């Protein structure tokens, strides 16, 4: 790609060299902070990393919003930018709608920079790194300190160049996004095929000629005649954190006892590479929910409800979890791996949706869990099903993993292009 004819040292740690004819302006002089309140009739907005700032009713994930006093929420206009509690992870969000949003957010109206240009700059990896450097607090209590951020310098190309860069990036990123969508469609198809295999094995077994019987449950249908239907509460011990004082931000430690949340369950598998830690005192407060190999964790509250993962190992040592997770420990005649496969099959997931309670945050209560009837084959047959599914599902997961790597490569390439263009490392015509 073509470069500019000459560069200068910006003197800004996150920018480095910029084209000689570009200027710099502190963020507080590049935007006007909007703090208008008292618009209770405006629609509620949600700040999302994927879609920007949109109407809350259009957001696919159920979220919590304090509705006691809408007068205190901040006004957001179309074209504003919003610094949310998670902007340090994915950049500043552009508002597509007029409405009101949490007073904890910072609302910015651009004055000396074009909206189209900052849409890309505010989402670039180099700018996200800047946002991370302005974060205060630790772990769950992290937040961007705008008083610190607003003193940082922004690159200000001539307006015509800002528009040219935005036009170029619109086209370049659209092509990459199209390729990502194609890869994601293939992943979705593989997941559908994988789910069919799981569904068949845990509700019908592996023998196509086996005698069947009516389970008496509309959501389950017929099951092998020699299988039993047992309430989950009879076949497993179910417990969760109750009556426990929540953690403050300063109670998280750099090492100690693993403290899991719903975010540590991804694609119905445990993820151990981004966990929180607590000290021994807080860990020992709830001995009934100390995690063991052979347990199953199921998300019972919030947007990720229904996700679950089996615990095959404890790579970081002893662990526990927050109140959004239920601990399920099967009895000896129920293989925890078989139970996990059943809990992630489509029939069970659709059924649990009917059991959810709560007006704001959905809940899958322990009482409801215990009453759910599950089909249980003899233990030897359970193990055969697990062996079969581990092999079949494993092959699908390998193929999905390869596609996910391709998506990660495309996303990385997209970020490199954006960062190099918006900081002037390459010139576009």
Protein backbone atom coordinates (compact mmCIF):
# COMPACT_ATOMS: atom_id res chain seq x y z
CA UNK A 1 0.00 0.00 0.00
CA UNK A 2 1.06 3.57 -0.65
CA UNK A 3 2.51 5.69 2.17
CA UNK A 4 2.36 9.44 2.70
CA UNK A 5 5.26 11.51 1.38
CA UNK A 6 6.46 12.60 4.81
CA UNK A 7 5.85 11.84 8.48
CA UNK A 8 6.45 13.48 11.84
CA UNK A 9 6.73 12.23 15.38
CA UNK A 10 3.34 12.80 17.00
CA UNK A 11 4.79 12.75 20.49
CA UNK A 12 1.79 10.60 21.43
CA UNK A 13 2.68 7.21 22.89
CA UNK A 14 -0.08 5.26 21.20
CA UNK A 15 0.19 6.92 17.77
CA UNK A 16 3.87 7.11 16.92
CA UNK A 17 4.53 8.79 13.57
CA UNK A 18 1.70 10.46 11.67
CA UNK A 19 1.59 12.21 8.27
CA UNK A 20 3.29 15.59 8.46
CA UNK A 21 0.20 17.55 7.47
CA UNK A 22 -2.08 15.97 10.09
CA UNK A 23 -2.85 17.84 13.29
CA UNK A 24 -3.45 16.72 16.88
CA UNK A 25 -6.18 17.74 19.25
CA UNK A 26 -6.94 16.65 22.78
CA UNK A 27 -10.04 14.52 23.04
CA UNK A 28 -11.80 17.05 25.27
CA UNK A 29 -11.54 19.59 22.42
CA UNK A 30 -12.53 17.04 19.78
CA UNK A 31 -15.84 16.09 21.40
CA UNK A 32 -18.48 17.77 23.51
CA UNK A 33 -19.66 15.72 26.48
CA UNK A 34 -23.44 15.38 26.62
CA UNK A 35 -24.97 15.12 30.09
CA UNK A 36 -28.63 15.97 29.43
CA UNK A 37 -31.17 14.23 31.64
CA UNK A 38 -34.91 14.42 32.16
CA UNK A 39 -36.23 12.66 29.04
CA UNK A 40 -38.23 9.76 30.54
CA UNK A 41 -40.42 9.29 27.46
CA UNK A 42 -37.50 8.50 25.15
CA UNK A 43 -36.83 4.82 24.38
CA UNK A 44 -34.33 2.89 26.48
CA UNK A 45 -31.06 2.15 24.70
CA UNK A 46 -28.49 -0.64 25.03
CA UNK A 47 -24.79 -0.15 24.32
CA UNK A 48 -23.54 -3.24 22.50
CA UNK A 49 -20.12 -4.06 21.11
CA UNK A 50 -21.57 -5.88 18.10
CA UNK A 51 -24.31 -3.49 17.00
CA UNK A 52 -23.42 -0.15 18.57
CA UNK A 53 -26.04 1.73 20.58
CA UNK A 54 -29.50 0.48 19.65
CA UNK A 55 -32.99 0.36 21.15
CA UNK A 56 -33.07 -1.99 24.09
CA UNK A 57 -36.19 -3.71 22.73
CA UNK A 58 -34.26 -4.65 19.59
CA UNK A 59 -31.36 -6.20 21.48
CA UNK A 60 -31.48 -9.98 21.36
CA UNK A 61 -29.94 -10.50 24.80
CA UNK A 62 -32.07 -9.77 27.83
CA UNK A 63 -30.40 -7.18 30.03
CA UNK A 64 -31.16 -5.45 33.30
CA UNK A 65 -32.01 -1.77 33.44
CA UNK A 66 -32.83 0.28 36.50
CA UNK A 67 -36.30 1.60 35.77
CA UNK A 68 -37.04 3.36 39.06
CA UNK A 69 -36.21 6.85 37.84
CA UNK A 70 -35.96 7.35 34.10
CA UNK A 71 -35.36 11.05 34.72
CA UNK A 72 -31.78 10.23 35.77
CA UNK A 73 -30.85 8.50 32.50
CA UNK A 74 -28.73 10.37 29.97
CA UNK A 75 -29.98 11.49 26.57
CA UNK A 76 -28.24 10.06 23.50
CA UNK A 77 -28.71 11.50 20.00
CA UNK A 78 -28.15 9.74 16.67
CA UNK A 79 -24.47 10.19 15.77
CA UNK A 80 -23.26 10.36 19.37
CA UNK A 81 -20.61 8.02 20.72
CA UNK A 82 -21.00 6.18 24.02
CA UNK A 83 -18.29 5.03 26.40
CA UNK A 84 -19.88 2.10 28.21
CA UNK A 85 -18.63 -0.13 31.03
CA UNK A 86 -17.14 -2.51 28.46
CA UNK A 87 -15.71 -0.05 25.93
CA UNK A 88 -12.18 -0.88 27.06
CA UNK A 89 -12.76 -4.36 25.63
CA UNK A 90 -14.17 -3.47 22.23
CA UNK A 91 -14.03 0.28 21.61
CA UNK A 92 -16.44 3.20 21.76
CA UNK A 93 -19.97 2.51 20.52
CA UNK A 94 -21.75 4.59 17.86
CA UNK A 95 -25.40 5.49 18.48
CA UNK A 96 -27.89 4.62 15.74
CA UNK A 97 -30.87 5.87 17.76
CA UNK A 98 -32.11 8.69 19.96
CA UNK A 99 -32.96 7.58 23.46
CA UNK A 100 -31.79 7.34 27.06
CA UNK A 101 -29.10 5.25 28.67
CA UNK A 102 -27.33 4.59 31.96
CA UNK A 103 -25.99 7.71 33.74
CA UNK A 104 -22.76 5.74 34.33
CA UNK A 105 -21.94 6.07 30.61
CA UNK A 106 -20.12 8.97 28.95
CA UNK A 107 -21.87 10.47 25.93
CA UNK A 108 -19.71 12.25 23.33
CA UNK A 109 -20.74 14.42 20.38
CA UNK A 110 -17.98 14.89 17.74
CA UNK A 111 -17.10 18.50 16.80
CA UNK A 112 -13.69 18.54 15.08
CA UNK A 113 -13.72 15.02 13.71
CA UNK A 114 -16.12 13.34 11.29
CA UNK A 115 -18.47 10.68 12.56
CA UNK A 116 -17.56 8.26 9.76
CA UNK A 117 -13.84 8.51 10.51
CA UNK A 118 -14.19 8.11 14.28
CA UNK A 119 -16.46 5.07 13.83
CA UNK A 120 -13.31 3.29 12.68
CA UNK A 121 -10.78 5.02 14.91
CA UNK A 122 -12.90 4.40 18.02
CA UNK A 123 -13.08 0.67 17.21
CA UNK A 124 -9.48 0.18 16.09
CA UNK A 125 -7.18 -2.10 18.08
CA UNK A 126 -4.70 0.73 18.65
CA UNK A 127 -7.43 2.93 20.16
CA UNK A 128 -8.77 0.07 22.28
CA UNK A 129 -5.26 -0.30 23.72
CA UNK A 130 -5.43 3.38 24.62
CA UNK A 131 -8.78 2.83 26.34
CA UNK A 132 -7.29 -0.04 28.35
CA UNK A 133 -4.53 2.26 29.59
CA UNK A 134 -7.14 4.62 31.09
CA UNK A 135 -9.03 1.96 33.03
CA UNK A 136 -9.44 2.27 36.79
CA UNK A 137 -10.46 -0.46 39.22
CA UNK A 138 -9.73 -4.15 39.03
CA UNK A 139 -11.42 -7.14 37.49
CA UNK A 140 -15.23 -6.84 37.70
CA UNK A 141 -15.01 -3.21 38.84
CA UNK A 142 -13.01 -1.94 35.88
CA UNK A 143 -14.17 1.24 34.18
CA UNK A 144 -12.72 3.86 31.82
CA UNK A 145 -11.62 7.07 33.54
CA UNK A 146 -12.82 9.72 31.10
CA UNK A 147 -11.04 12.47 33.00
CA UNK A 148 -7.82 10.71 32.05
CA UNK A 149 -8.92 9.80 28.52
CA UNK A 150 -10.03 13.30 27.54
CA UNK A 151 -6.48 14.61 27.96
CA UNK A 152 -5.19 12.20 25.30
CA UNK A 153 -4.49 13.54 21.81
CA UNK A 154 -6.50 12.45 18.77
CA UNK A 155 -5.13 12.38 15.19
CA UNK A 156 -7.01 14.91 13.03
CA UNK A 157 -6.51 14.41 9.28
CA UNK A 158 -8.00 16.97 6.86
CA UNK A 159 -11.75 16.48 6.53
CA UNK A 160 -11.49 15.29 2.91
CA UNK A 161 -9.00 12.60 3.96
CA UNK A 162 -11.20 11.52 6.84
CA UNK A 163 -14.03 10.94 4.37
CA UNK A 164 -11.75 9.10 1.92
CA UNK A 165 -10.48 6.82 4.68
CA UNK A 166 -14.00 6.06 5.87
CA UNK A 167 -15.13 5.26 2.32
CA UNK A 168 -12.16 2.96 1.76
CA UNK A 169 -12.65 1.18 5.08
CA UNK A 170 -16.37 0.76 4.50
CA UNK A 171 -15.58 -1.26 1.38
CA UNK A 172 -12.53 -3.13 2.72
CA UNK A 173 -14.19 -4.19 5.97
CA UNK A 174 -17.43 -5.14 4.20
CA UNK A 175 -15.48 -7.65 2.07
CA UNK A 176 -13.82 -9.14 5.15
CA UNK A 177 -17.13 -9.22 7.04
CA UNK A 178 -18.68 -11.10 4.10
CA UNK A 179 -15.97 -13.74 4.33
CA UNK A 180 -16.47 -13.99 8.10
CA UNK A 181 -20.23 -14.48 7.61
CA UNK A 182 -19.55 -17.32 5.16
CA UNK A 183 -17.26 -19.04 7.65
CA UNK A 184 -19.81 -18.54 10.43
CA UNK A 185 -22.56 -20.10 8.30
CA UNK A 186 -20.41 -23.20 7.89
CA UNK A 187 -19.91 -23.30 11.66
CA UNK A 188 -23.66 -23.01 12.20
CA UNK A 189 -24.30 -25.92 9.80
CA UNK A 190 -21.74 -28.08 11.57
CA UNK A 191 -23.27 -27.22 14.95
CA UNK A 192 -26.71 -28.18 13.62
CA UNK A 193 -25.39 -31.56 12.43
CA UNK A 194 -23.58 -32.05 15.75
CA UNK A 195 -26.75 -31.28 17.67
CA UNK A 196 -28.74 -33.85 15.63
CA UNK A 197 -26.21 -36.54 16.58
CA UNK A 198 -26.33 -35.59 20.28
CA UNK A 199 -30.11 -35.37 20.30
CA UNK A 200 -30.49 -38.80 18.74
CA UNK A 201 -28.01 -40.52 21.06
CA UNK A 202 -29.33 -39.18 24.39
CA UNK A 203 -33.03 -39.62 23.61
CA UNK A 204 -33.12 -42.73 21.36
CA UNK A 205 -29.82 -44.50 22.07
CA UNK A 206 -27.44 -46.07 19.55
CA UNK A 207 -29.50 -49.17 18.61
CA UNK A 208 -31.86 -48.30 15.76
CA UNK A 209 -33.84 -51.54 16.33
CA UNK A 210 -34.47 -51.09 20.04
CA UNK A 211 -38.04 -51.30 21.32
CA UNK A 212 -39.43 -47.84 22.17
CA UNK A 213 -42.01 -46.52 24.63
CA UNK A 214 -43.84 -43.25 25.09
CA UNK A 215 -42.05 -41.14 27.68
CA UNK A 216 -45.25 -39.28 28.54
CA UNK A 217 -43.42 -36.00 27.98
CA UNK A 218 -44.36 -33.99 24.89
CA UNK A 219 -40.93 -32.35 24.70
CA UNK A 220 -39.13 -35.70 24.81
CA UNK A 221 -41.29 -38.13 22.82
CA UNK A 222 -40.42 -41.81 22.65
CA UNK A 223 -37.43 -43.33 24.46
CA UNK A 224 -36.04 -46.90 24.56
CA UNK A 225 -38.37 -49.13 26.58
CA UNK A 226 -35.63 -50.23 29.02
CA UNK A 227 -34.61 -46.64 29.92
CA UNK A 228 -35.87 -45.02 33.11
CA UNK A 229 -37.32 -41.56 33.58
CA UNK A 230 -35.91 -40.04 36.75
CA UNK A 231 -36.19 -36.57 38.22
CA UNK A 232 -32.90 -34.72 38.08
CA UNK A 233 -33.19 -34.02 41.81
CA UNK A 234 -33.26 -37.80 42.52
CA UNK A 235 -30.38 -38.68 40.24
CA UNK A 236 -28.10 -35.77 41.15
CA UNK A 237 -27.23 -33.39 43.95
CA UNK A 238 -28.06 -29.81 42.92
CA UNK A 239 -26.87 -26.77 44.81
CA UNK A 240 -25.96 -23.12 44.34
CA UNK A 241 -24.58 -20.20 46.29
CA UNK A 242 -27.26 -18.89 48.67
CA UNK A 243 -27.21 -16.15 51.26
CA UNK A 244 -23.65 -15.22 50.44
CA UNK A 245 -22.24 -11.73 50.60
CA UNK A 246 -21.18 -10.64 47.11
CA UNK A 247 -17.61 -9.79 46.31
CA UNK A 248 -16.39 -6.22 46.14
CA UNK A 249 -13.93 -5.29 43.41
CA UNK A 250 -11.04 -5.06 45.87
CA UNK A 251 -11.65 -8.61 47.12
CA UNK A 252 -10.43 -10.19 43.89
CA UNK A 253 -6.80 -11.29 44.10
CA UNK A 254 -4.10 -12.06 41.54
CA UNK A 255 -3.80 -15.69 42.59
CA UNK A 256 -5.59 -18.00 44.95
CA UNK A 257 -8.82 -19.94 44.50
CA UNK A 258 -10.57 -19.89 41.14
CA UNK A 259 -13.86 -17.98 41.15
CA UNK A 260 -15.91 -18.84 38.06
CA UNK A 261 -18.81 -17.09 36.37
CA UNK A 262 -21.08 -17.68 33.36
CA UNK A 263 -18.42 -16.03 31.16
CA UNK A 264 -16.14 -19.02 31.79
CA UNK A 265 -18.53 -21.34 29.95
CA UNK A 266 -18.08 -21.00 26.18
CA UNK A 267 -19.74 -23.34 23.69
CA UNK A 268 -20.73 -25.56 26.63
CA UNK A 269 -17.11 -26.07 27.64
CA UNK A 270 -15.07 -24.74 30.52
CA UNK A 271 -12.64 -21.95 29.69
CA UNK A 272 -9.81 -21.55 32.18
CA UNK A 273 -7.72 -18.83 30.51
CA UNK A 274 -9.56 -15.78 31.92
CA UNK A 275 -10.72 -16.51 35.45
CA UNK A 276 -10.93 -14.50 38.63
CA UNK A 277 -9.40 -15.50 41.96
CA UNK A 278 -10.48 -15.08 45.59
CA UNK A 279 -8.68 -15.65 48.87
CA UNK A 280 -8.96 -18.69 51.11
CA UNK A 281 -11.28 -16.97 53.61
CA UNK A 282 -13.93 -16.20 50.96
CA UNK A 283 -13.45 -19.62 49.36
CA UNK A 284 -14.04 -21.47 52.65
CA UNK A 285 -17.23 -19.49 53.36
CA UNK A 286 -19.20 -21.80 51.07
CA UNK A 287 -17.83 -25.34 51.39
CA UNK A 288 -20.97 -26.82 49.83
CA UNK A 289 -20.09 -25.42 46.39
CA UNK A 290 -16.44 -26.27 46.10
CA UNK A 291 -16.05 -27.62 42.57
CA UNK A 292 -15.02 -31.24 41.97
CA UNK A 293 -14.08 -33.20 38.86
CA UNK A 294 -17.27 -34.88 37.65
CA UNK A 295 -19.46 -31.88 38.44
CA UNK A 296 -21.54 -30.01 35.90
CA UNK A 297 -21.93 -26.23 36.00
CA UNK A 298 -25.18 -24.82 34.61
CA UNK A 299 -25.99 -21.13 34.18
CA UNK A 300 -29.24 -20.52 36.03
CA UNK A 301 -29.54 -16.72 35.92
CA UNK A 302 -29.13 -14.01 33.32
CA UNK A 303 -28.56 -13.78 29.60
CA UNK A 304 -26.44 -16.95 29.34
CA UNK A 305 -29.05 -19.10 31.05
CA UNK A 306 -28.95 -22.78 30.09
CA UNK A 307 -25.26 -22.89 29.18
CA UNK A 308 -23.51 -25.72 30.92
CA UNK A 309 -20.13 -27.43 31.01
CA UNK A 310 -18.75 -30.60 32.52
CA UNK A 311 -15.71 -30.42 34.76
CA UNK A 312 -13.15 -32.91 33.43
CA UNK A 313 -10.20 -31.25 35.18
CA UNK A 314 -9.21 -28.46 37.56
CA UNK A 315 -6.09 -27.12 35.85
CA UNK A 316 -5.74 -24.11 38.17
CA UNK A 317 -6.47 -25.88 41.43
CA UNK A 318 -9.48 -25.61 43.71
CA UNK A 319 -12.42 -23.63 42.39
CA UNK A 320 -15.85 -22.27 43.20
CA UNK A 321 -18.35 -20.04 41.38
CA UNK A 322 -20.66 -17.07 41.76
CA UNK A 323 -24.40 -17.19 42.37
CA UNK A 324 -25.38 -17.39 38.69
CA UNK A 325 -24.20 -21.00 38.41
CA UNK A 326 -25.77 -24.22 39.69
CA UNK A 327 -23.56 -27.17 40.70
CA UNK A 328 -24.85 -30.57 39.60
CA UNK A 329 -23.17 -33.72 40.95
CA UNK A 330 -24.65 -36.95 39.49
CA UNK A 331 -24.99 -40.06 41.64
CA UNK A 332 -22.81 -43.11 40.82
CA UNK A 333 -25.40 -44.67 38.48
CA UNK A 334 -25.46 -41.55 36.27
CA UNK A 335 -22.37 -40.74 34.21
CA UNK A 336 -21.72 -36.99 34.42
CA UNK A 337 -20.59 -36.94 30.77
CA UNK A 338 -23.85 -38.50 29.61
CA UNK A 339 -25.83 -36.06 31.72
CA UNK A 340 -23.93 -33.14 30.20
CA UNK A 341 -24.74 -34.31 26.69
CA UNK A 342 -28.40 -34.55 27.63
CA UNK A 343 -28.44 -31.08 29.19
CA UNK A 344 -27.13 -29.53 25.96
CA UNK A 345 -29.47 -31.34 23.58
CA UNK A 346 -32.12 -29.28 21.83
CA UNK A 347 -35.10 -30.99 23.46
CA UNK A 348 -33.92 -30.14 26.94
CA UNK A 349 -32.93 -26.58 26.03
CA UNK A 350 -36.35 -25.90 24.49
CA UNK A 351 -38.10 -27.39 27.50
CA UNK A 352 -36.15 -25.32 30.01
CA UNK A 353 -37.19 -22.14 28.22
CA UNK A 354 -40.73 -22.89 29.39
CA UNK A 355 -39.57 -23.12 33.01
CA UNK A 356 -37.84 -19.74 33.26
CA UNK A 357 -39.10 -17.21 35.78
CA UNK A 358 -38.36 -13.53 36.40
CA UNK A 359 -39.62 -10.33 34.82
CA UNK A 360 -36.18 -8.72 34.19
CA UNK A 361 -33.46 -11.29 34.66
CA UNK A 362 -34.57 -14.84 33.72
CA UNK A 363 -34.07 -17.58 36.33
CA UNK A 364 -33.93 -21.35 36.14
CA UNK A 365 -34.62 -22.16 39.77
CA UNK A 366 -33.18 -25.10 41.67
CA UNK A 367 -36.71 -26.24 42.40
CA UNK A 368 -37.51 -26.39 38.68
CA UNK A 369 -34.24 -28.20 37.95
CA UNK A 370 -34.95 -30.89 40.52
CA UNK A 371 -38.38 -31.65 39.04
CA UNK A 372 -37.16 -32.12 35.46
CA UNK A 373 -37.40 -35.75 34.34
CA UNK A 374 -34.48 -37.09 32.32
CA UNK A 375 -34.12 -40.41 30.45
CA UNK A 376 -31.43 -42.59 31.97
CA UNK A 377 -30.07 -45.73 30.25
CA UNK A 378 -28.21 -48.44 32.19
CA UNK A 379 -24.76 -47.22 33.22
CA UNK A 380 -22.91 -49.39 30.68
CA UNK A 381 -25.07 -48.01 27.88
CA UNK A 382 -24.44 -44.47 29.13
CA UNK A 383 -20.71 -45.06 28.79
CA UNK A 384 -21.11 -46.43 25.25
CA UNK A 385 -23.13 -43.35 24.30
CA UNK A 386 -20.47 -41.09 25.81
CA UNK A 387 -17.70 -42.91 23.92
CA UNK A 388 -19.65 -42.59 20.67
CA UNK A 389 -20.45 -38.90 21.19
CA UNK A 390 -16.96 -37.94 22.33
CA UNK A 391 -15.64 -39.36 19.05
CA UNK A 392 -18.32 -37.91 16.77
CA UNK A 393 -18.58 -34.54 18.49
CA UNK A 394 -14.80 -34.31 18.70
CA UNK A 395 -14.53 -34.52 14.91
CA UNK A 396 -17.11 -31.78 14.49
CA UNK A 397 -15.32 -29.63 17.07
CA UNK A 398 -12.02 -30.01 15.21
CA UNK A 399 -13.64 -28.81 11.99
CA UNK A 400 -15.36 -25.95 13.81
CA UNK A 401 -12.06 -25.04 15.47
CA UNK A 402 -10.36 -24.72 12.07
CA UNK A 403 -13.12 -22.41 10.85
CA UNK A 404 -12.92 -20.34 14.03
CA UNK A 405 -9.18 -19.90 13.44
CA UNK A 406 -9.94 -18.62 9.95
CA UNK A 407 -12.42 -16.15 11.41
CA UNK A 408 -9.85 -15.00 13.96
CA UNK A 409 -7.34 -14.46 11.15
CA UNK A 410 -9.86 -12.42 9.16
CA UNK A 411 -10.78 -10.35 12.23
CA UNK A 412 -7.09 -9.71 12.95
CA UNK A 413 -6.49 -8.68 9.34
CA UNK A 414 -9.49 -6.34 9.52
CA UNK A 415 -8.11 -4.69 12.64
CA UNK A 416 -4.65 -4.26 11.11
CA UNK A 417 -6.11 -2.55 8.04
CA UNK A 418 -8.28 -0.23 10.16
CA UNK A 419 -5.45 0.73 12.52
CA UNK A 420 -2.97 1.41 9.72
CA UNK A 421 -5.43 3.55 7.76
CA UNK A 422 -6.81 5.67 10.62
CA UNK A 423 -3.33 6.42 11.98
CA UNK A 424 -1.88 7.28 8.58
CA UNK A 425 0.54 4.36 8.32
CA UNK A 426 -0.85 3.73 4.83
CA UNK A 427 -2.47 6.16 2.41
CA UNK A 428 -5.73 5.51 0.62
CA UNK A 429 -6.93 7.35 -2.46
